[in-house]
Amino acid sequence: MKRQIRQSKSEKAAAREAAEALAIQALTYIAADGDRLGHFLAESGAGPAEIRRAAADPGFLLGVLDYVAGDESLLVGLAEEIGFDPFDVAKARLALAGKRWDG
């Protein structure tokens, strides 16, 4: 029988906050290079003017993490740039989706 571990509201809020921060760092990394930004805009369908407003939307931030997770070279470059474990993107995606990472 698998034991369920409950996550407190404050732990969920902290995980979500960290996930949002990582997604914003990823968006900043993408926007810092014209080619990366162009590809992202083409994939997301968002315009440059919409990005700032959209960055406050958890669903959009989840999409940013999905985009990064789907491009290994982008993921590795971002990880090297800001110094995190690429696997943290998977954890952040779960946190933004309201799920707990147990492994």
N, C-alpha and C. Protein backbone atom coordinates (compact mmCIF):
# COMPACT_ATOMS: atom_id res chain seq x y z
N MET A 1 0.84 -1.18 0.00
CA MET A 1 0.00 0.00 0.00
C MET A 1 0.88 1.24 0.00
N LYS A 2 0.64 2.11 -0.93
CA LYS A 2 1.43 3.33 -1.04
C LYS A 2 0.94 4.35 -0.02
N ARG A 3 1.86 4.87 0.74
CA ARG A 3 1.52 5.85 1.76
C ARG A 3 1.42 7.23 1.13
N GLN A 4 0.34 7.92 1.39
CA GLN A 4 0.14 9.26 0.86
C GLN A 4 0.71 10.27 1.85
N ILE A 5 1.44 11.21 1.32
CA ILE A 5 2.00 12.27 2.13
C ILE A 5 1.25 13.54 1.80
N ARG A 6 0.72 14.17 2.80
CA ARG A 6 -0.03 15.42 2.59
C ARG A 6 0.94 16.59 2.60
N GLN A 7 0.65 17.52 1.76
CA GLN A 7 1.46 18.73 1.67
C GLN A 7 0.61 19.87 2.24
N SER A 8 1.19 20.62 3.19
CA SER A 8 0.45 21.71 3.80
C SER A 8 0.22 22.82 2.79
N LYS A 9 -0.74 23.68 3.11
CA LYS A 9 -1.03 24.80 2.21
C LYS A 9 0.20 25.68 2.04
N SER A 10 0.96 25.88 3.11
CA SER A 10 2.15 26.73 3.00
C SER A 10 3.22 26.06 2.14
N GLU A 11 3.33 24.74 2.21
CA GLU A 11 4.28 24.03 1.35
C GLU A 11 3.86 24.10 -0.10
N LYS A 12 2.56 23.98 -0.36
CA LYS A 12 2.05 24.10 -1.72
C LYS A 12 2.29 25.50 -2.26
N ALA A 13 2.04 26.49 -1.43
CA ALA A 13 2.23 27.88 -1.86
C ALA A 13 3.71 28.15 -2.14
N ALA A 14 4.59 27.62 -1.30
CA ALA A 14 6.02 27.81 -1.51
C ALA A 14 6.49 27.10 -2.78
N ALA A 15 5.98 25.91 -3.02
CA ALA A 15 6.35 25.16 -4.23
C ALA A 15 5.84 25.89 -5.47
N ARG A 16 4.64 26.40 -5.40
CA ARG A 16 4.07 27.14 -6.53
C ARG A 16 4.86 28.42 -6.80
N GLU A 17 5.22 29.11 -5.74
CA GLU A 17 6.00 30.34 -5.88
C GLU A 17 7.36 30.06 -6.51
N ALA A 18 8.00 29.00 -6.08
CA ALA A 18 9.30 28.62 -6.66
C ALA A 18 9.14 28.22 -8.13
N ALA A 19 8.05 27.53 -8.44
CA ALA A 19 7.79 27.11 -9.82
C ALA A 19 7.55 28.33 -10.70
N GLU A 20 6.79 29.29 -10.21
CA GLU A 20 6.55 30.50 -10.98
C GLU A 20 7.85 31.27 -11.20
N ALA A 21 8.69 31.33 -10.18
CA ALA A 21 9.98 32.02 -10.31
C ALA A 21 10.85 31.34 -11.37
N LEU A 22 10.87 30.03 -11.37
CA LEU A 22 11.65 29.30 -12.38
C LEU A 22 11.10 29.56 -13.78
N ALA A 23 9.79 29.57 -13.92
CA ALA A 23 9.18 29.83 -15.23
C ALA A 23 9.50 31.24 -15.70
N ILE A 24 9.50 32.21 -14.81
CA ILE A 24 9.83 33.58 -15.20
C ILE A 24 11.31 33.69 -15.57
N GLN A 25 12.17 32.97 -14.86
CA GLN A 25 13.58 32.93 -15.26
C GLN A 25 13.73 32.31 -16.64
N ALA A 26 12.96 31.28 -16.91
CA ALA A 26 13.00 30.63 -18.22
C ALA A 26 12.52 31.60 -19.30
N LEU A 27 11.46 32.32 -19.02
CA LEU A 27 10.95 33.29 -19.98
C LEU A 27 11.96 34.41 -20.23
N THR A 28 12.62 34.85 -19.19
CA THR A 28 13.66 35.87 -19.32
C THR A 28 14.81 35.36 -20.18
N TYR A 29 15.19 34.12 -19.96
CA TYR A 29 16.26 33.49 -20.75
C TYR A 29 15.85 33.40 -22.22
N ILE A 30 14.63 33.01 -22.47
CA ILE A 30 14.13 32.91 -23.84
C ILE A 30 14.14 34.29 -24.50
N ALA A 31 13.67 35.30 -23.79
CA ALA A 31 13.54 36.64 -24.34
C ALA A 31 14.89 37.32 -24.57
N ALA A 32 15.94 36.83 -23.93
CA ALA A 32 17.27 37.45 -24.05
C ALA A 32 17.93 37.20 -25.40
N ASP A 33 17.38 36.30 -26.19
CA ASP A 33 17.96 35.97 -27.49
C ASP A 33 16.86 36.05 -28.55
N GLY A 34 17.11 36.80 -29.59
CA GLY A 34 16.11 37.00 -30.64
C GLY A 34 15.63 35.73 -31.29
N ASP A 35 16.54 34.80 -31.58
CA ASP A 35 16.14 33.53 -32.19
C ASP A 35 15.26 32.71 -31.25
N ARG A 36 15.70 32.61 -29.99
CA ARG A 36 14.91 31.85 -29.01
C ARG A 36 13.52 32.47 -28.86
N LEU A 37 13.49 33.81 -28.77
CA LEU A 37 12.21 34.50 -28.60
C LEU A 37 11.32 34.29 -29.82
N GLY A 38 11.89 34.39 -30.99
CA GLY A 38 11.11 34.18 -32.21
C GLY A 38 10.49 32.81 -32.28
N HIS A 39 11.26 31.79 -31.93
CA HIS A 39 10.72 30.42 -31.92
C HIS A 39 9.61 30.28 -30.88
N PHE A 40 9.84 30.87 -29.71
CA PHE A 40 8.84 30.78 -28.65
C PHE A 40 7.54 31.46 -29.06
N LEU A 41 7.65 32.65 -29.62
CA LEU A 41 6.46 33.38 -30.05
C LEU A 41 5.70 32.61 -31.12
N ALA A 42 6.44 32.02 -32.05
CA ALA A 42 5.80 31.23 -33.11
C ALA A 42 5.07 30.02 -32.54
N GLU A 43 5.67 29.36 -31.56
CA GLU A 43 5.05 28.17 -30.95
C GLU A 43 3.87 28.53 -30.06
N SER A 44 4.01 29.62 -29.30
CA SER A 44 2.98 29.97 -28.32
C SER A 44 1.82 30.73 -28.94
N GLY A 45 2.08 31.40 -30.04
CA GLY A 45 1.05 32.22 -30.64
C GLY A 45 0.88 33.57 -29.96
N ALA A 46 1.69 33.83 -28.96
CA ALA A 46 1.64 35.11 -28.24
C ALA A 46 2.46 36.15 -29.00
N GLY A 47 2.06 37.38 -28.87
CA GLY A 47 2.82 38.47 -29.44
C GLY A 47 3.74 39.06 -28.39
N PRO A 48 4.76 39.79 -28.81
CA PRO A 48 5.70 40.38 -27.85
C PRO A 48 5.01 41.25 -26.80
N ALA A 49 3.99 41.99 -27.19
CA ALA A 49 3.30 42.87 -26.25
C ALA A 49 2.48 42.09 -25.23
N GLU A 50 2.10 40.89 -25.56
CA GLU A 50 1.25 40.09 -24.67
C GLU A 50 2.04 39.35 -23.60
N ILE A 51 3.31 39.19 -23.82
CA ILE A 51 4.10 38.34 -22.92
C ILE A 51 4.13 38.88 -21.49
N ARG A 52 4.32 40.16 -21.33
CA ARG A 52 4.41 40.72 -19.97
C ARG A 52 3.12 40.46 -19.19
N ARG A 53 1.99 40.69 -19.83
CA ARG A 53 0.70 40.45 -19.16
C ARG A 53 0.50 38.95 -18.91
N ALA A 54 0.84 38.16 -19.90
CA ALA A 54 0.64 36.71 -19.79
C ALA A 54 1.52 36.09 -18.71
N ALA A 55 2.66 36.72 -18.42
CA ALA A 55 3.59 36.17 -17.43
C ALA A 55 2.98 36.11 -16.03
N ALA A 56 1.89 36.80 -15.81
CA ALA A 56 1.21 36.74 -14.51
C ALA A 56 0.21 35.59 -14.44
N ASP A 57 0.02 34.90 -15.55
CA ASP A 57 -0.95 33.81 -15.63
C ASP A 57 -0.25 32.47 -15.39
N PRO A 58 -0.64 31.74 -14.33
CA PRO A 58 0.01 30.44 -14.06
C PRO A 58 -0.09 29.47 -15.23
N GLY A 59 -1.18 29.52 -15.98
CA GLY A 59 -1.32 28.64 -17.14
C GLY A 59 -0.29 28.96 -18.22
N PHE A 60 -0.04 30.24 -18.43
CA PHE A 60 0.98 30.64 -19.39
C PHE A 60 2.36 30.19 -18.91
N LEU A 61 2.62 30.37 -17.61
CA LEU A 61 3.92 29.95 -17.06
C LEU A 61 4.10 28.44 -17.18
N LEU A 62 3.03 27.70 -17.00
CA LEU A 62 3.10 26.25 -17.20
C LEU A 62 3.45 25.96 -18.65
N GLY A 63 2.89 26.72 -19.57
CA GLY A 63 3.22 26.58 -20.98
C GLY A 63 4.67 26.88 -21.28
N VAL A 64 5.23 27.88 -20.58
CA VAL A 64 6.65 28.20 -20.74
C VAL A 64 7.49 27.00 -20.33
N LEU A 65 7.15 26.41 -19.19
CA LEU A 65 7.91 25.24 -18.73
C LEU A 65 7.74 24.05 -19.66
N ASP A 66 6.55 23.88 -20.20
CA ASP A 66 6.33 22.81 -21.18
C ASP A 66 7.20 23.03 -22.41
N TYR A 67 7.26 24.27 -22.85
CA TYR A 67 8.08 24.61 -24.02
C TYR A 67 9.55 24.30 -23.75
N VAL A 68 10.04 24.71 -22.60
CA VAL A 68 11.44 24.46 -22.24
C VAL A 68 11.70 22.96 -22.12
N ALA A 69 10.79 22.25 -21.48
CA ALA A 69 10.97 20.81 -21.30
C ALA A 69 10.98 20.06 -22.63
N GLY A 70 10.34 20.62 -23.63
CA GLY A 70 10.26 19.97 -24.92
C GLY A 70 11.45 20.21 -25.83
N ASP A 71 12.40 21.01 -25.39
CA ASP A 71 13.58 21.34 -26.20
C ASP A 71 14.83 21.12 -25.35
N GLU A 72 15.47 19.99 -25.55
CA GLU A 72 16.59 19.61 -24.70
C GLU A 72 17.72 20.64 -24.71
N SER A 73 18.05 21.19 -25.87
CA SER A 73 19.15 22.16 -25.91
C SER A 73 18.76 23.44 -25.16
N LEU A 74 17.52 23.84 -25.26
CA LEU A 74 17.04 25.00 -24.51
C LEU A 74 17.07 24.72 -23.02
N LEU A 75 16.62 23.54 -22.63
CA LEU A 75 16.60 23.13 -21.23
C LEU A 75 18.01 23.12 -20.64
N VAL A 76 18.95 22.53 -21.35
CA VAL A 76 20.33 22.45 -20.86
C VAL A 76 20.95 23.84 -20.80
N GLY A 77 20.72 24.66 -21.82
CA GLY A 77 21.26 26.02 -21.83
C GLY A 77 20.73 26.84 -20.67
N LEU A 78 19.44 26.73 -20.41
CA LEU A 78 18.83 27.44 -19.29
C LEU A 78 19.40 26.95 -17.97
N ALA A 79 19.53 25.64 -17.83
CA ALA A 79 20.07 25.07 -16.58
C ALA A 79 21.48 25.58 -16.32
N GLU A 80 22.29 25.64 -17.36
CA GLU A 80 23.66 26.14 -17.20
C GLU A 80 23.66 27.63 -16.88
N GLU A 81 22.78 28.37 -17.51
CA GLU A 81 22.72 29.83 -17.33
C GLU A 81 22.33 30.22 -15.91
N ILE A 82 21.31 29.57 -15.37
CA ILE A 82 20.83 29.99 -14.06
C ILE A 82 21.19 29.03 -12.94
N GLY A 83 21.84 27.92 -13.29
CA GLY A 83 22.36 27.02 -12.26
C GLY A 83 21.31 26.21 -11.53
N PHE A 84 20.56 25.41 -12.25
CA PHE A 84 19.60 24.51 -11.61
C PHE A 84 19.69 23.15 -12.28
N ASP A 85 19.09 22.18 -11.64
CA ASP A 85 19.02 20.83 -12.18
C ASP A 85 17.90 20.81 -13.21
N PRO A 86 18.17 20.39 -14.44
CA PRO A 86 17.10 20.36 -15.44
C PRO A 86 15.85 19.60 -15.00
N PHE A 87 16.01 18.65 -14.10
CA PHE A 87 14.87 17.89 -13.60
C PHE A 87 13.91 18.78 -12.80
N ASP A 88 14.41 19.94 -12.32
CA ASP A 88 13.56 20.86 -11.57
C ASP A 88 12.42 21.40 -12.42
N VAL A 89 12.58 21.41 -13.74
CA VAL A 89 11.50 21.86 -14.60
C VAL A 89 10.30 20.92 -14.46
N ALA A 90 10.53 19.63 -14.38
CA ALA A 90 9.44 18.67 -14.20
C ALA A 90 8.75 18.91 -12.85
N LYS A 91 9.52 19.16 -11.83
CA LYS A 91 8.94 19.44 -10.51
C LYS A 91 8.11 20.72 -10.55
N ALA A 92 8.64 21.74 -11.20
CA ALA A 92 7.94 23.02 -11.29
C ALA A 92 6.65 22.87 -12.09
N ARG A 93 6.67 22.08 -13.14
CA ARG A 93 5.46 21.85 -13.94
C ARG A 93 4.37 21.22 -13.07
N LEU A 94 4.75 20.26 -12.24
CA LEU A 94 3.78 19.63 -11.35
C LEU A 94 3.23 20.63 -10.34
N ALA A 95 4.10 21.44 -9.78
CA ALA A 95 3.66 22.42 -8.78
C ALA A 95 2.68 23.42 -9.39
N LEU A 96 2.95 23.88 -10.60
CA LEU A 96 2.03 24.81 -11.25
C LEU A 96 0.70 24.15 -11.60
N ALA A 97 0.74 22.86 -11.81
CA ALA A 97 -0.49 22.11 -12.12
C ALA A 97 -1.24 21.73 -10.84
N GLY A 98 -0.69 22.10 -9.67
CA GLY A 98 -1.34 21.80 -8.41
C GLY A 98 -1.12 20.39 -7.90
N LYS A 99 -0.07 19.76 -8.40
CA LYS A 99 0.23 18.39 -7.98
C LYS A 99 1.51 18.36 -7.16
N ARG A 100 1.66 17.33 -6.40
CA ARG A 100 2.84 17.17 -5.55
C ARG A 100 3.86 16.27 -6.22
N TRP A 101 5.11 16.63 -6.06
CA TRP A 101 6.20 15.81 -6.56
C TRP A 101 6.72 14.98 -5.40
N ASP A 102 6.68 13.65 -5.51
CA ASP A 102 7.12 12.78 -4.42
C ASP A 102 8.35 11.96 -4.78
N GLY A 103 9.02 12.30 -5.82
CA GLY A 103 10.08 11.39 -6.16
C GLY A 103 11.22 12.00 -6.78
